Amino acid sequence: NKITGTIPTEVGNLVEMYEFLLYNNKISGTIPDGIGNLDRLTWIDMEDNQIFGTIPDSFYSNLNLKGVILKNNSLSGTISDRVGDLSKLDHFWASFNQLSGEIPSTFGKCLNLEELELQNNELTGSIPEEFGNMESMEVLSVESNQLTGTIPSTIFGQNIPGLRLLYLGDNELSGPVPENYGQSPRLKDLYMNDNLLTGTLPAIAEGEFLFLGEYLIVF
Protein backbone atom coordinates (compact mmCIF):
# COMPACT_ATOMS: atom_id res chain seq x y z
CA ASN A 1 0.00 0.00 0.00
CA LYS A 2 0.95 3.66 0.03
CA ILE A 3 -0.56 4.74 3.33
CA THR A 4 1.02 7.92 4.68
CA GLY A 5 0.82 9.86 7.94
CA THR A 6 1.97 8.84 11.40
CA ILE A 7 1.08 6.15 13.91
CA PRO A 8 -1.70 7.62 16.08
CA THR A 9 -0.81 8.13 19.72
CA GLU A 10 -4.15 6.50 20.57
CA VAL A 11 -2.80 3.13 19.42
CA GLY A 12 -2.05 2.49 23.08
CA ASN A 13 -5.80 2.22 23.71
CA LEU A 14 -6.14 -0.89 21.51
CA VAL A 15 -5.44 -3.20 24.41
CA GLU A 16 -7.01 -6.27 22.77
CA MET A 17 -4.81 -6.10 19.67
CA TYR A 18 -2.44 -9.03 19.22
CA GLU A 19 -0.96 -8.22 15.78
CA PHE A 20 0.06 -4.77 14.53
CA LEU A 21 0.98 -4.91 10.85
CA LEU A 22 1.96 -1.73 8.99
CA TYR A 23 4.60 -3.05 6.60
CA ASN A 24 5.24 -1.73 3.07
CA ASN A 25 3.71 1.71 3.41
CA LYS A 26 4.96 5.28 3.67
CA ILE A 27 4.21 5.87 7.31
CA SER A 28 6.50 8.38 8.99
CA GLY A 29 6.93 9.88 12.44
CA THR A 30 7.95 8.08 15.59
CA ILE A 31 6.78 4.98 17.45
CA PRO A 32 4.40 6.29 20.15
CA ASP A 33 5.08 5.51 23.82
CA GLY A 34 1.60 4.04 24.12
CA ILE A 35 2.75 0.99 22.18
CA GLY A 36 3.84 -0.40 25.53
CA ASN A 37 0.23 -0.69 26.72
CA LEU A 38 -0.60 -3.55 24.36
CA ASP A 39 -0.21 -6.49 26.71
CA ARG A 40 -1.68 -9.00 24.25
CA LEU A 41 0.58 -7.98 21.34
CA THR A 42 2.54 -10.90 19.89
CA TRP A 43 3.66 -9.57 16.51
CA ILE A 44 4.59 -6.09 15.30
CA ASP A 45 5.67 -5.45 11.72
CA MET A 46 6.64 -1.92 10.61
CA GLU A 47 9.01 -2.98 7.83
CA ASP A 48 9.56 -0.70 4.83
CA ASN A 49 8.24 2.61 6.08
CA GLN A 50 9.77 5.97 6.92
CA ILE A 51 9.59 5.74 10.70
CA PHE A 52 12.30 7.63 12.57
CA GLY A 53 13.36 8.39 16.13
CA THR A 54 14.20 5.88 18.81
CA ILE A 55 12.58 2.62 19.90
CA PRO A 56 10.72 3.81 23.02
CA ASP A 57 11.56 2.13 26.30
CA SER A 58 7.89 1.24 26.72
CA PHE A 59 8.21 -0.98 23.64
CA TYR A 60 9.94 -3.61 25.78
CA SER A 61 6.97 -3.83 28.16
CA ASN A 62 5.11 -6.02 25.66
CA LEU A 63 6.20 -9.28 27.22
CA ASN A 64 4.15 -11.46 24.87
CA LEU A 65 6.00 -10.28 21.78
CA LYS A 66 7.25 -13.05 19.52
CA GLY A 67 7.98 -11.10 16.34
CA VAL A 68 9.52 -7.64 16.06
CA ILE A 69 10.03 -6.48 12.47
CA LEU A 70 11.40 -2.92 12.21
CA LYS A 71 13.72 -3.24 9.21
CA ASN A 72 14.07 -0.66 6.44
CA ASN A 73 13.18 2.48 8.35
CA SER A 74 15.21 5.38 9.76
CA LEU A 75 15.27 4.39 13.42
CA SER A 76 18.14 5.71 15.51
CA GLY A 77 19.37 5.43 19.08
CA THR A 78 20.15 2.22 20.91
CA ILE A 79 18.52 -1.14 21.53
CA SER A 80 17.65 -1.28 25.23
CA ASP A 81 19.02 -3.94 27.57
CA ARG A 82 15.34 -4.58 28.32
CA VAL A 83 15.14 -6.59 25.11
CA GLY A 84 16.20 -9.51 27.30
CA ASP A 85 12.82 -9.30 29.06
CA LEU A 86 11.11 -10.48 25.87
CA SER A 87 11.47 -14.15 26.69
CA LYS A 88 8.99 -15.28 23.99
CA LEU A 89 10.80 -13.48 21.19
CA ASP A 90 11.60 -15.61 18.14
CA HIS A 91 12.23 -12.93 15.47
CA PHE A 92 13.95 -9.57 15.87
CA TRP A 93 14.61 -7.79 12.57
CA ALA A 94 15.92 -4.24 12.85
CA SER A 95 18.29 -4.15 9.88
CA PHE A 96 18.73 -1.20 7.52
CA ASN A 97 18.22 1.52 10.09
CA GLN A 98 20.57 3.92 11.85
CA LEU A 99 20.73 2.17 15.22
CA SER A 100 23.88 2.84 17.24
CA GLY A 101 25.53 1.79 20.48
CA GLU A 102 26.40 -1.73 21.55
CA ILE A 103 24.41 -4.88 20.92
CA PRO A 104 22.81 -5.76 24.28
CA SER A 105 24.26 -8.88 25.86
CA THR A 106 20.76 -9.48 27.24
CA PHE A 107 19.77 -10.91 23.86
CA GLY A 108 21.36 -14.02 25.36
CA LYS A 109 18.32 -14.35 27.62
CA CYS A 110 16.02 -14.75 24.60
CA LEU A 111 16.28 -18.52 24.43
CA ASN A 112 13.52 -18.84 21.82
CA LEU A 113 15.08 -16.36 19.41
CA GLU A 114 15.47 -17.94 15.98
CA GLU A 115 16.36 -14.98 13.77
CA LEU A 116 18.31 -11.87 14.80
CA GLU A 117 18.95 -9.43 11.96
CA LEU A 118 20.83 -6.23 12.84
CA GLN A 119 22.81 -5.71 9.64
CA ASN A 120 23.35 -2.31 8.02
CA ASN A 121 23.20 -0.14 11.10
CA GLU A 122 25.82 1.85 13.02
CA LEU A 123 26.30 -0.58 15.90
CA THR A 124 29.60 -0.55 17.77
CA GLY A 125 31.30 -2.63 20.45
CA SER A 126 31.81 -6.37 20.36
CA ILE A 127 29.67 -9.38 19.54
CA PRO A 128 28.34 -10.52 22.94
CA GLU A 129 29.64 -13.84 24.26
CA GLU A 130 26.08 -14.37 25.51
CA PHE A 131 24.93 -15.00 21.94
CA GLY A 132 26.04 -18.55 22.62
CA ASN A 133 23.07 -18.94 24.98
CA MET A 134 20.57 -18.50 22.15
CA GLU A 135 20.19 -22.20 21.53
CA SER A 136 17.26 -21.78 19.10
CA MET A 137 19.13 -19.40 16.79
CA GLU A 138 19.03 -20.20 13.07
CA VAL A 139 19.88 -16.85 11.45
CA LEU A 140 22.35 -14.35 12.93
CA SER A 141 23.23 -11.30 10.86
CA VAL A 142 25.27 -8.37 12.18
CA GLU A 143 27.17 -7.51 8.98
CA SER A 144 27.81 -3.94 7.80
CA ASN A 145 28.13 -2.29 11.19
CA GLN A 146 31.15 -0.97 13.09
CA LEU A 147 31.70 -3.93 15.40
CA THR A 148 35.13 -4.51 16.91
CA GLY A 149 36.82 -7.14 19.05
CA THR A 150 37.15 -10.82 18.37
CA ILE A 151 34.60 -13.33 17.10
CA PRO A 152 33.37 -15.23 20.16
CA SER A 153 33.79 -18.99 19.97
CA THR A 154 30.44 -19.36 21.77
CA ILE A 155 28.49 -18.74 18.57
CA PHE A 156 29.89 -21.91 17.00
CA GLY A 157 29.53 -25.56 17.90
CA GLN A 158 26.79 -27.25 19.86
CA ASN A 159 25.86 -24.07 21.74
CA ILE A 160 23.69 -23.13 18.75
CA PRO A 161 23.10 -26.46 16.98
CA GLY A 162 20.52 -25.15 14.48
CA LEU A 163 22.52 -22.16 13.21
CA ARG A 164 22.19 -22.05 9.41
CA LEU A 165 23.14 -18.53 8.35
CA LEU A 166 25.90 -16.45 9.98
CA TYR A 167 26.78 -13.05 8.57
CA LEU A 168 29.60 -11.14 10.29
CA GLY A 169 31.15 -9.39 7.28
CA ASP A 170 31.97 -5.73 6.75
CA ASN A 171 32.85 -4.82 10.31
CA GLU A 172 36.14 -4.19 12.13
CA LEU A 173 36.43 -7.56 13.85
CA SER A 174 39.98 -8.60 14.66
CA GLY A 175 41.99 -11.52 15.95
CA PRO A 176 41.92 -15.14 14.81
CA VAL A 177 39.04 -17.20 13.50
CA PRO A 178 37.82 -19.35 16.42
CA GLU A 179 39.23 -22.88 16.42
CA ASN A 180 35.73 -24.38 16.62
CA TYR A 181 34.28 -22.48 13.67
CA GLY A 182 33.71 -25.68 11.72
CA GLN A 183 31.66 -27.32 14.45
CA SER A 184 28.26 -25.79 13.70
CA PRO A 185 26.50 -28.87 12.32
CA ARG A 186 23.87 -27.18 10.14
CA LEU A 187 25.73 -24.05 9.00
CA LYS A 188 24.97 -23.26 5.36
CA ASP A 189 26.22 -19.66 4.86
CA LEU A 190 29.26 -18.21 6.65
CA TYR A 191 30.40 -14.65 5.85
CA MET A 192 33.35 -13.17 7.75
CA ASN A 193 34.67 -11.02 4.90
CA ASP A 194 35.94 -7.42 5.08
CA ASN A 195 37.13 -7.43 8.67
CA LEU A 196 40.57 -7.20 10.28
CA LEU A 197 40.97 -10.88 11.07
CA THR A 198 44.48 -12.32 11.40
CA GLY A 199 46.21 -15.66 11.75
CA THR A 200 45.60 -18.87 9.87
CA LEU A 201 42.35 -20.67 9.22
CA PRO A 202 41.80 -23.54 11.65
CA ALA A 203 41.73 -26.97 10.07
CA ILE A 204 38.37 -28.35 9.06
CA ALA A 205 37.94 -31.85 10.41
CA GLU A 206 36.18 -34.66 8.61
CA GLY A 207 32.44 -34.33 9.12
CA GLU A 208 32.47 -30.54 9.61
CA PHE A 209 30.70 -28.03 7.34
CA LEU A 210 28.60 -30.78 5.77
CA PHE A 211 25.89 -28.33 4.66
CA LEU A 212 28.05 -25.29 3.87
CA GLY A 213 27.05 -23.72 0.56
CA GLU A 214 28.50 -20.18 0.78
CA TYR A 215 31.78 -19.41 2.52
CA LEU A 216 33.23 -15.92 2.29
CA ILE A 217 36.20 -15.08 4.48
CA VAL A 218 38.26 -12.57 2.49
CA PHE A 219 40.19 -10.53 5.10
C-alpha atoms as a PDB file:
ATOM      1  CA  ASN A   1       0.000   0.000   0.000  1.00  0.00           C
ATOM      2  CA  LYS A   2       0.950   3.665   0.033  1.00  0.00           C
ATOM      3  CA  ILE A   3      -0.556   4.744   3.335  1.00  0.00           C
ATOM      4  CA  THR A   4       1.015   7.922   4.680  1.00  0.00           C
ATOM      5  CA  GLY A   5       0.815   9.860   7.935  1.00  0.00           C
ATOM      6  CA  THR A   6       1.968   8.844  11.395  1.00  0.00           C
ATOM      7  CA  ILE A   7       1.080   6.150  13.905  1.00  0.00           C
ATOM      8  CA  PRO A   8      -1.702   7.617  16.079  1.00  0.00           C
ATOM      9  CA  THR A   9      -0.813   8.128  19.725  1.00  0.00           C
ATOM     10  CA  GLU A  10      -4.147   6.499  20.573  1.00  0.00           C
ATOM     11  CA  VAL A  11      -2.801   3.135  19.418  1.00  0.00           C
ATOM     12  CA  GLY A  12      -2.051   2.485  23.076  1.00  0.00           C
ATOM     13  CA  ASN A  13      -5.800   2.217  23.705  1.00  0.00           C
ATOM     14  CA  LEU A  14      -6.142  -0.889  21.508  1.00  0.00           C
ATOM     15  CA  VAL A  15      -5.437  -3.200  24.406  1.00  0.00           C
ATOM     16  CA  GLU A  16      -7.010  -6.274  22.769  1.00  0.00           C
ATOM     17  CA  MET A  17      -4.807  -6.097  19.669  1.00  0.00           C
ATOM     18  CA  TYR A  18      -2.439  -9.032  19.220  1.00  0.00           C
ATOM     19  CA  GLU A  19      -0.965  -8.223  15.778  1.00  0.00           C
ATOM     20  CA  PHE A  20       0.055  -4.773  14.534  1.00  0.00           C
ATOM     21  CA  LEU A  21       0.984  -4.906  10.846  1.00  0.00           C
ATOM     22  CA  LEU A  22       1.962  -1.730   8.986  1.00  0.00           C
ATOM     23  CA  TYR A  23       4.597  -3.048   6.595  1.00  0.00           C
ATOM     24  CA  ASN A  24       5.244  -1.729   3.068  1.00  0.00           C
ATOM     25  CA  ASN A  25       3.711   1.711   3.408  1.00  0.00           C
ATOM     26  CA  LYS A  26       4.963   5.284   3.665  1.00  0.00           C
ATOM     27  CA  ILE A  27       4.209   5.871   7.314  1.00  0.00           C
ATOM     28  CA  SER A  28       6.497   8.380   8.987  1.00  0.00           C
ATOM     29  CA  GLY A  29       6.926   9.884  12.440  1.00  0.00           C
ATOM     30  CA  THR A  30       7.949   8.077  15.595  1.00  0.00           C
ATOM     31  CA  ILE A  31       6.784   4.979  17.452  1.00  0.00           C
ATOM     32  CA  PRO A  32       4.403   6.287  20.150  1.00  0.00           C
ATOM     33  CA  ASP A  33       5.082   5.508  23.816  1.00  0.00           C
ATOM     34  CA  GLY A  34       1.595   4.044  24.122  1.00  0.00           C
ATOM     35  CA  ILE A  35       2.751   0.989  22.180  1.00  0.00           C
ATOM     36  CA  GLY A  36       3.843  -0.404  25.530  1.00  0.00           C
ATOM     37  CA  ASN A  37       0.230  -0.687  26.723  1.00  0.00           C
ATOM     38  CA  LEU A  38      -0.597  -3.547  24.362  1.00  0.00           C
ATOM     39  CA  ASP A  39      -0.209  -6.494  26.713  1.00  0.00           C
ATOM     40  CA  ARG A  40      -1.682  -8.995  24.246  1.00  0.00           C
ATOM     41  CA  LEU A  41       0.579  -7.976  21.343  1.00  0.00           C
ATOM     42  CA  THR A  42       2.536 -10.897  19.890  1.00  0.00           C
ATOM     43  CA  TRP A  43       3.659  -9.571  16.507  1.00  0.00           C
ATOM     44  CA  ILE A  44       4.587  -6.092  15.298  1.00  0.00           C
ATOM     45  CA  ASP A  45       5.675  -5.445  11.725  1.00  0.00           C
ATOM     46  CA  MET A  46       6.643  -1.919  10.613  1.00  0.00           C
ATOM     47  CA  GLU A  47       9.012  -2.977   7.831  1.00  0.00           C
ATOM     48  CA  ASP A  48       9.558  -0.702   4.833  1.00  0.00           C
ATOM     49  CA  ASN A  49       8.241   2.610   6.078  1.00  0.00           C
ATOM     50  CA  GLN A  50       9.772   5.974   6.924  1.00  0.00           C
ATOM     51  CA  ILE A  51       9.591   5.742  10.701  1.00  0.00           C
ATOM     52  CA  PHE A  52      12.303   7.630  12.572  1.00  0.00           C
ATOM     53  CA  GLY A  53      13.357   8.390  16.127  1.00  0.00           C
ATOM     54  CA  THR A  54      14.201   5.880  18.808  1.00  0.00           C
ATOM     55  CA  ILE A  55      12.584   2.623  19.898  1.00  0.00           C
ATOM     56  CA  PRO A  56      10.720   3.809  23.022  1.00  0.00           C
ATOM     57  CA  ASP A  57      11.560   2.126  26.303  1.00  0.00           C
ATOM     58  CA  SER A  58       7.891   1.238  26.724  1.00  0.00           C
ATOM     59  CA  PHE A  59       8.205  -0.983  23.641  1.00  0.00           C
ATOM     60  CA  TYR A  60       9.944  -3.610  25.780  1.00  0.00           C
ATOM     61  CA  SER A  61       6.967  -3.834  28.156  1.00  0.00           C
ATOM     62  CA  ASN A  62       5.110  -6.024  25.660  1.00  0.00           C
ATOM     63  CA  LEU A  63       6.203  -9.277  27.221  1.00  0.00           C
ATOM     64  CA  ASN A  64       4.154 -11.462  24.871  1.00  0.00           C
ATOM     65  CA  LEU A  65       6.003 -10.279  21.778  1.00  0.00           C
ATOM     66  CA  LYS A  66       7.250 -13.050  19.517  1.00  0.00           C
ATOM     67  CA  GLY A  67       7.976 -11.102  16.342  1.00  0.00           C
ATOM     68  CA  VAL A  68       9.524  -7.637  16.059  1.00  0.00           C
ATOM     69  CA  ILE A  69      10.033  -6.475  12.470  1.00  0.00           C
ATOM     70  CA  LEU A  70      11.395  -2.923  12.212  1.00  0.00           C
ATOM     71  CA  LYS A  71      13.724  -3.238   9.211  1.00  0.00           C
ATOM     72  CA  ASN A  72      14.075  -0.659   6.441  1.00  0.00           C
ATOM     73  CA  ASN A  73      13.183   2.477   8.354  1.00  0.00           C
ATOM     74  CA  SER A  74      15.211   5.380   9.762  1.00  0.00           C
ATOM     75  CA  LEU A  75      15.270   4.387  13.425  1.00  0.00           C
ATOM     76  CA  SER A  76      18.144   5.706  15.513  1.00  0.00           C
ATOM     77  CA  GLY A  77      19.372   5.433  19.084  1.00  0.00           C
ATOM     78  CA  THR A  78      20.154   2.219  20.906  1.00  0.00           C
ATOM     79  CA  ILE A  79      18.519  -1.141  21.535  1.00  0.00           C
ATOM     80  CA  SER A  80      17.653  -1.280  25.229  1.00  0.00           C
ATOM     81  CA  ASP A  81      19.021  -3.939  27.567  1.00  0.00           C
ATOM     82  CA  ARG A  82      15.343  -4.576  28.324  1.00  0.00           C
ATOM     83  CA  VAL A  83      15.135  -6.587  25.109  1.00  0.00           C
ATOM     84  CA  GLY A  84      16.197  -9.511  27.301  1.00  0.00           C
ATOM     85  CA  ASP A  85      12.820  -9.297  29.057  1.00  0.00           C
ATOM     86  CA  LEU A  86      11.106 -10.475  25.868  1.00  0.00           C
ATOM     87  CA  SER A  87      11.471 -14.147  26.695  1.00  0.00           C
ATOM     88  CA  LYS A  88       8.993 -15.281  23.995  1.00  0.00           C
ATOM     89  CA  LEU A  89      10.800 -13.485  21.189  1.00  0.00           C
ATOM     90  CA  ASP A  90      11.598 -15.607  18.141  1.00  0.00           C
ATOM     91  CA  HIS A  91      12.229 -12.931  15.469  1.00  0.00           C
ATOM     92  CA  PHE A  92      13.947  -9.568  15.868  1.00  0.00           C
ATOM     93  CA  TRP A  93      14.614  -7.794  12.574  1.00  0.00           C
ATOM     94  CA  ALA A  94      15.925  -4.240  12.849  1.00  0.00           C
ATOM     95  CA  SER A  95      18.287  -4.149   9.883  1.00  0.00           C
ATOM     96  CA  PHE A  96      18.730  -1.204   7.517  1.00  0.00           C
ATOM     97  CA  ASN A  97      18.217   1.524  10.087  1.00  0.00           C
ATOM     98  CA  GLN A  98      20.566   3.922  11.850  1.00  0.00           C
ATOM     99  CA  LEU A  99      20.735   2.174  15.215  1.00  0.00           C
ATOM    100  CA  SER A 100      23.877   2.838  17.239  1.00  0.00           C
ATOM    101  CA  GLY A 101      25.527   1.785  20.485  1.00  0.00           C
ATOM    102  CA  GLU A 102      26.398  -1.726  21.546  1.00  0.00           C
ATOM    103  CA  ILE A 103      24.406  -4.885  20.919  1.00  0.00           C
ATOM    104  CA  PRO A 104      22.808  -5.763  24.280  1.00  0.00           C
ATOM    105  CA  SER A 105      24.259  -8.883  25.859  1.00  0.00           C
ATOM    106  CA  THR A 106      20.758  -9.482  27.236  1.00  0.00           C
ATOM    107  CA  PHE A 107      19.765 -10.914  23.865  1.00  0.00           C
ATOM    108  CA  GLY A 108      21.361 -14.019  25.364  1.00  0.00           C
ATOM    109  CA  LYS A 109      18.320 -14.352  27.619  1.00  0.00           C
ATOM    110  CA  CYS A 110      16.025 -14.747  24.601  1.00  0.00           C
ATOM    111  CA  LEU A 111      16.284 -18.518  24.428  1.00  0.00           C
ATOM    112  CA  ASN A 112      13.517 -18.838  21.818  1.00  0.00           C
ATOM    113  CA  LEU A 113      15.077 -16.357  19.407  1.00  0.00           C
ATOM    114  CA  GLU A 114      15.472 -17.942  15.976  1.00  0.00           C
ATOM    115  CA  GLU A 115      16.358 -14.976  13.767  1.00  0.00           C
ATOM    116  CA  LEU A 116      18.311 -11.875  14.795  1.00  0.00           C
ATOM    117  CA  GLU A 117      18.954  -9.430  11.960  1.00  0.00           C
ATOM    118  CA  LEU A 118      20.831  -6.233  12.845  1.00  0.00           C
ATOM    119  CA  GLN A 119      22.809  -5.712   9.641  1.00  0.00           C
ATOM    120  CA  ASN A 120      23.351  -2.310   8.015  1.00  0.00           C
ATOM    121  CA  ASN A 121      23.195  -0.140  11.099  1.00  0.00           C
ATOM    122  CA  GLU A 122      25.816   1.848  13.018  1.00  0.00           C
ATOM    123  CA  LEU A 123      26.303  -0.580  15.898  1.00  0.00           C
ATOM    124  CA  THR A 124      29.605  -0.548  17.774  1.00  0.00           C
ATOM    125  CA  GLY A 125      31.299  -2.632  20.451  1.00  0.00           C
ATOM    126  CA  SER A 126      31.814  -6.371  20.356  1.00  0.00           C
ATOM    127  CA  ILE A 127      29.667  -9.381  19.538  1.00  0.00           C
ATOM    128  CA  PRO A 128      28.344 -10.519  22.936  1.00  0.00           C
ATOM    129  CA  GLU A 129      29.639 -13.835  24.263  1.00  0.00           C
ATOM    130  CA  GLU A 130      26.081 -14.367  25.505  1.00  0.00           C
ATOM    131  CA  PHE A 131      24.927 -14.999  21.942  1.00  0.00           C
ATOM    132  CA  GLY A 132      26.041 -18.548  22.617  1.00  0.00           C
ATOM    133  CA  ASN A 133      23.072 -18.938  24.981  1.00  0.00           C
ATOM    134  CA  MET A 134      20.566 -18.498  22.146  1.00  0.00           C
ATOM    135  CA  GLU A 135      20.188 -22.201  21.532  1.00  0.00           C
ATOM    136  CA  SER A 136      17.258 -21.777  19.103  1.00  0.00           C
ATOM    137  CA  MET A 137      19.128 -19.399  16.791  1.00  0.00           C
ATOM    138  CA  GLU A 138      19.026 -20.203  13.070  1.00  0.00           C
ATOM    139  CA  VAL A 139      19.883 -16.851  11.446  1.00  0.00           C
ATOM    140  CA  LEU A 140      22.351 -14.353  12.930  1.00  0.00           C
ATOM    141  CA  SER A 141      23.230 -11.295  10.862  1.00  0.00           C
ATOM    142  CA  VAL A 142      25.271  -8.370  12.177  1.00  0.00           C
ATOM    143  CA  GLU A 143      27.171  -7.508   8.983  1.00  0.00           C
ATOM    144  CA  SER A 144      27.810  -3.943   7.800  1.00  0.00           C
ATOM    145  CA  ASN A 145      28.131  -2.286  11.186  1.00  0.00           C
ATOM    146  CA  GLN A 146      31.148  -0.970  13.093  1.00  0.00           C
ATOM    147  CA  LEU A 147      31.697  -3.929  15.398  1.00  0.00           C
ATOM    148  CA  THR A 148      35.129  -4.511  16.914  1.00  0.00           C
ATOM    149  CA  GLY A 149      36.823  -7.139  19.048  1.00  0.00           C
ATOM    150  CA  THR A 150      37.146 -10.822  18.368  1.00  0.00           C
ATOM    151  CA  ILE A 151      34.605 -13.325  17.098  1.00  0.00           C
ATOM    152  CA  PRO A 152      33.366 -15.227  20.163  1.00  0.00           C
ATOM    153  CA  SER A 153      33.787 -18.988  19.974  1.00  0.00           C
ATOM    154  CA  THR A 154      30.441 -19.355  21.774  1.00  0.00           C
ATOM    155  CA  ILE A 155      28.490 -18.745  18.565  1.00  0.00           C
ATOM    156  CA  PHE A 156      29.888 -21.910  16.996  1.00  0.00           C
ATOM    157  CA  GLY A 157      29.531 -25.559  17.901  1.00  0.00           C
ATOM    158  CA  GLN A 158      26.794 -27.249  19.859  1.00  0.00           C
ATOM    159  CA  ASN A 159      25.857 -24.073  21.737  1.00  0.00           C
ATOM    160  CA  ILE A 160      23.691 -23.134  18.750  1.00  0.00           C
ATOM    161  CA  PRO A 161      23.103 -26.464  16.981  1.00  0.00           C
ATOM    162  CA  GLY A 162      20.519 -25.150  14.482  1.00  0.00           C
ATOM    163  CA  LEU A 163      22.523 -22.156  13.215  1.00  0.00           C
ATOM    164  CA  ARG A 164      22.187 -22.052   9.407  1.00  0.00           C
ATOM    165  CA  LEU A 165      23.145 -18.525   8.351  1.00  0.00           C
ATOM    166  CA  LEU A 166      25.898 -16.455   9.981  1.00  0.00           C
ATOM    167  CA  TYR A 167      26.778 -13.046   8.574  1.00  0.00           C
ATOM    168  CA  LEU A 168      29.604 -11.138  10.286  1.00  0.00           C
ATOM    169  CA  GLY A 169      31.147  -9.392   7.282  1.00  0.00           C
ATOM    170  CA  ASP A 170      31.971  -5.731   6.748  1.00  0.00           C
ATOM    171  CA  ASN A 171      32.851  -4.821  10.315  1.00  0.00           C
ATOM    172  CA  GLU A 172      36.136  -4.192  12.127  1.00  0.00           C
ATOM    173  CA  LEU A 173      36.435  -7.562  13.846  1.00  0.00           C
ATOM    174  CA  SER A 174      39.983  -8.600  14.656  1.00  0.00           C
ATOM    175  CA  GLY A 175      41.994 -11.525  15.952  1.00  0.00           C
ATOM    176  CA  PRO A 176      41.922 -15.143  14.809  1.00  0.00           C
ATOM    177  CA  VAL A 177      39.041 -17.196  13.497  1.00  0.00           C
ATOM    178  CA  PRO A 178      37.820 -19.353  16.422  1.00  0.00           C
ATOM    179  CA  GLU A 179      39.228 -22.878  16.424  1.00  0.00           C
ATOM    180  CA  ASN A 180      35.734 -24.380  16.624  1.00  0.00           C
ATOM    181  CA  TYR A 181      34.276 -22.480  13.666  1.00  0.00           C
ATOM    182  CA  GLY A 182      33.713 -25.685  11.718  1.00  0.00           C
ATOM    183  CA  GLN A 183      31.660 -27.324  14.453  1.00  0.00           C
ATOM    184  CA  SER A 184      28.257 -25.790  13.704  1.00  0.00           C
ATOM    185  CA  PRO A 185      26.504 -28.866  12.323  1.00  0.00           C
ATOM    186  CA  ARG A 186      23.873 -27.176  10.136  1.00  0.00           C
ATOM    187  CA  LEU A 187      25.734 -24.053   8.999  1.00  0.00           C
ATOM    188  CA  LYS A 188      24.972 -23.255   5.357  1.00  0.00           C
ATOM    189  CA  ASP A 189      26.224 -19.664   4.864  1.00  0.00           C
ATOM    190  CA  LEU A 190      29.259 -18.209   6.654  1.00  0.00           C
ATOM    191  CA  TYR A 191      30.404 -14.654   5.847  1.00  0.00           C
ATOM    192  CA  MET A 192      33.354 -13.169   7.747  1.00  0.00           C
ATOM    193  CA  ASN A 193      34.668 -11.016   4.901  1.00  0.00           C
ATOM    194  CA  ASP A 194      35.943  -7.422   5.080  1.00  0.00           C
ATOM    195  CA  ASN A 195      37.127  -7.432   8.666  1.00  0.00           C
ATOM    196  CA  LEU A 196      40.567  -7.199  10.278  1.00  0.00           C
ATOM    197  CA  LEU A 197      40.973 -10.882  11.072  1.00  0.00           C
ATOM    198  CA  THR A 198      44.476 -12.321  11.401  1.00  0.00           C
ATOM    199  CA  GLY A 199      46.207 -15.659  11.751  1.00  0.00           C
ATOM    200  CA  THR A 200      45.596 -18.867   9.872  1.00  0.00           C
ATOM    201  CA  LEU A 201      42.351 -20.667   9.224  1.00  0.00           C
ATOM    202  CA  PRO A 202      41.796 -23.544  11.648  1.00  0.00           C
ATOM    203  CA  ALA A 203      41.734 -26.966  10.065  1.00  0.00           C
ATOM    204  CA  ILE A 204      38.373 -28.353   9.057  1.00  0.00           C
ATOM    205  CA  ALA A 205      37.938 -31.851  10.406  1.00  0.00           C
ATOM    206  CA  GLU A 206      36.177 -34.665   8.605  1.00  0.00           C
ATOM    207  CA  GLY A 207      32.436 -34.334   9.116  1.00  0.00           C
ATOM    208  CA  GLU A 208      32.474 -30.545   9.612  1.00  0.00           C
ATOM    209  CA  PHE A 209      30.700 -28.032   7.341  1.00  0.00           C
ATOM    210  CA  LEU A 210      28.603 -30.781   5.770  1.00  0.00           C
ATOM    211  CA  PHE A 211      25.894 -28.327   4.661  1.00  0.00           C
ATOM    212  CA  LEU A 212      28.052 -25.292   3.872  1.00  0.00           C
ATOM    213  CA  GLY A 213      27.051 -23.718   0.561  1.00  0.00           C
ATOM    214  CA  GLU A 214      28.500 -20.184   0.779  1.00  0.00           C
ATOM    215  CA  TYR A 215      31.780 -19.412   2.522  1.00  0.00           C
ATOM    216  CA  LEU A 216      33.233 -15.921   2.288  1.00  0.00           C
ATOM    217  CA  ILE A 217      36.195 -15.083   4.481  1.00  0.00           C
ATOM    218  CA  VAL A 218      38.263 -12.566   2.489  1.00  0.00           C
ATOM    219  CA  PHE A 219      40.187 -10.530   5.104  1.00  0.00           C
END
